[in-house]
Amino acid sequence: MSNYTPITRDELERTLWGAATALRGFMDASDYKNYVFPALFWKWISDNYKYETERFEADYDGVRLDSETRDEVEADYHAFVIPPGASWDNVYLDKDIPESIRKDKAHALHPRNYIGARIRSAMTAIQHANPEQLSNIFGDAAYGNEERLKEEGLRKMLAGLAEHTFNAETVPGDSFGDAYEYLLKKFSDDSGTGAGEFFTPRPVVRLITRLLDPQSEESVYDPACGSGGMLIEACNTVEEHGGDPRTLTLHGQEKNMTTQAIARMNLYIHNQPEHKVIHDNTLLDPGNRRPDNTFEQYDVVIANPPFSVEDWGRESWDDDPRIIGDLAPNSYADFAFMQHMITSMKPKTGRIGVVMPHGILFRGHAEKRIRTEILNRDLIEAVIGMPNNIFYGTTIPSCIVILRAEKSEERKNKILFVDASTRFVKGSNMNELTDDDVNAILSAFHDEEDVDGADEGIEFRLVDMDEIESNDYDLNIGRYVQANTDVEVDLEASIAEWNEAELERERARDAFRNLLKEVGFGE
């Protein structure tokens, strides 16, 4: 069997980002991912298929097998099927072209971008050969369309990826998965505000998964899974604690088709082939809804859903069994996501970690009725106030809400409030959590201990439900813990908070005007 030279982490990251930036000048940076990730995944499975074939041939060198037995034995070596003519080498080196690909209509329509037409045909063939695993995984990028991506740009990107072979020997263990995550972050940094629904900063992901502490053989569900980071970090957490991440049941759902495909690729690359990630709108067409209108439930439900989505489809929820307390308002989908997550949580072992805007803690009307019912069920275990400007696409204040189906005796009818708003370091464009910040928050949550002391640490307090009721079910963190005021004010974040408050005021005014119209007042 051939010997391969391992690729260093720096080399690998430089190669992947170099291939992506080869597209500069040919399309917007926000569109790079539509082409780079499918091409990278295609090369990875092609290189591994070749490597697996070499292993089989080395293991069975000199062994006489009939044709049928040989095919059966070799199939056990392969994770995926690569049909003849559909591998990276076939297309990039322009060899072994099957007649079916020669006659492909895409080639006739776009003869100038022959390699783009061949890529599309090869990816389609691979999807058809692996229907249970890879259906639609390569997305709908128009590789052969000169109007979308000129052949010059496509060939530059391919040449960048072709610099190295990506198989189990050149990028062993988690190396390729780490490089894939690096590329996800680079895309998010490069595309700016559009990355919020695509990528959650990994320190935040690590924090939430460790707050929920998934265990071997549990089920994990992310109803707004983006690029799959929460599901993968759940696996990492189990492995770090000595468990077997392959025993986890991993389910997810994602509204954006390209992002859903990227999540599936991410899970395969991280050696998690047993997963189910659905492309659809979770609020309107939840993938875990059963035919009898009940919902599949999970031990761990974790998500960073988009903040305050308007016109989310409230009218379709009139008789929905997920309603708790009231229907979420049409102008804010936040509680609709939380209601879905509660419905998807197992009744005894279930726990939830969800990122939310601060507005859900104190807004009135329908949201107050929802909040009150959730509190009366004693489901909220902790509310953790996070630093401003730590997510892509928004600078507004956010919090992590932890819910648990059955709390410990010490926390029944109580809520732990944590103010971690000062625990961050300033990055070039965003605030960032360090490992020390994550550990300090975990200590406050698990041990109710401030590892740094009151001066530079975090403030927290375990509050009785009676006090919360006396505050009319208002969960504003500042009511229960005194924020550390000896910090520099983030002017940009403060302005963002002001703008968000103004937006909420306008929405409330519009809702009131509509109500007046409904009862016959106003024009």
Foldseek 3Di string as FASTA:
>chain_A
DDDFAADDLVRLLCLLVQLLCLCPPFDDLLCSLLPSLLVLLLLQLLLALVVLQVVLCVVCPPPDDPPVVSVVVSVVSHPFDQDFQLHPCCLLVVDRHDPVLVPDVLCVVQVQQSSLSSNVVSLVVRCVRVVVFCPCLSPDDRSRDCVRGNNSSVNSSSVSSVPGHHHCNRQNDCSVLVSLVVVLVVSPVRVFQVCQLADAPLLVLLLLLVLLQDEALFEEEEASQRLNSNLLSVLVSHVVVPHHSQNYAAEYEHQDSNRQSNNSSSCVSNVRRRYYYYHHRCLQDNPQQDPVLAGAATLEYEYEHDWQDAQSPQVNCPPRPLDFQAGDDRRTCQVSVVSSNVSRHDQANHKYKYKYALCLQADDDSSLRRLVRCVVQQFWAEKEWAAAFNGGNARETMIITMTGNDDDPVQGQKHKYKYLHQQFPDDPRGTHHDPVSSVQVVCCSPVVDRPVPDQRTMWMDIGGNVVCVVVVSRRNSVVPTPGNPPDDDDVVSVVRNVVVVVVVVVVVVVVVVVVCVVVPDDD
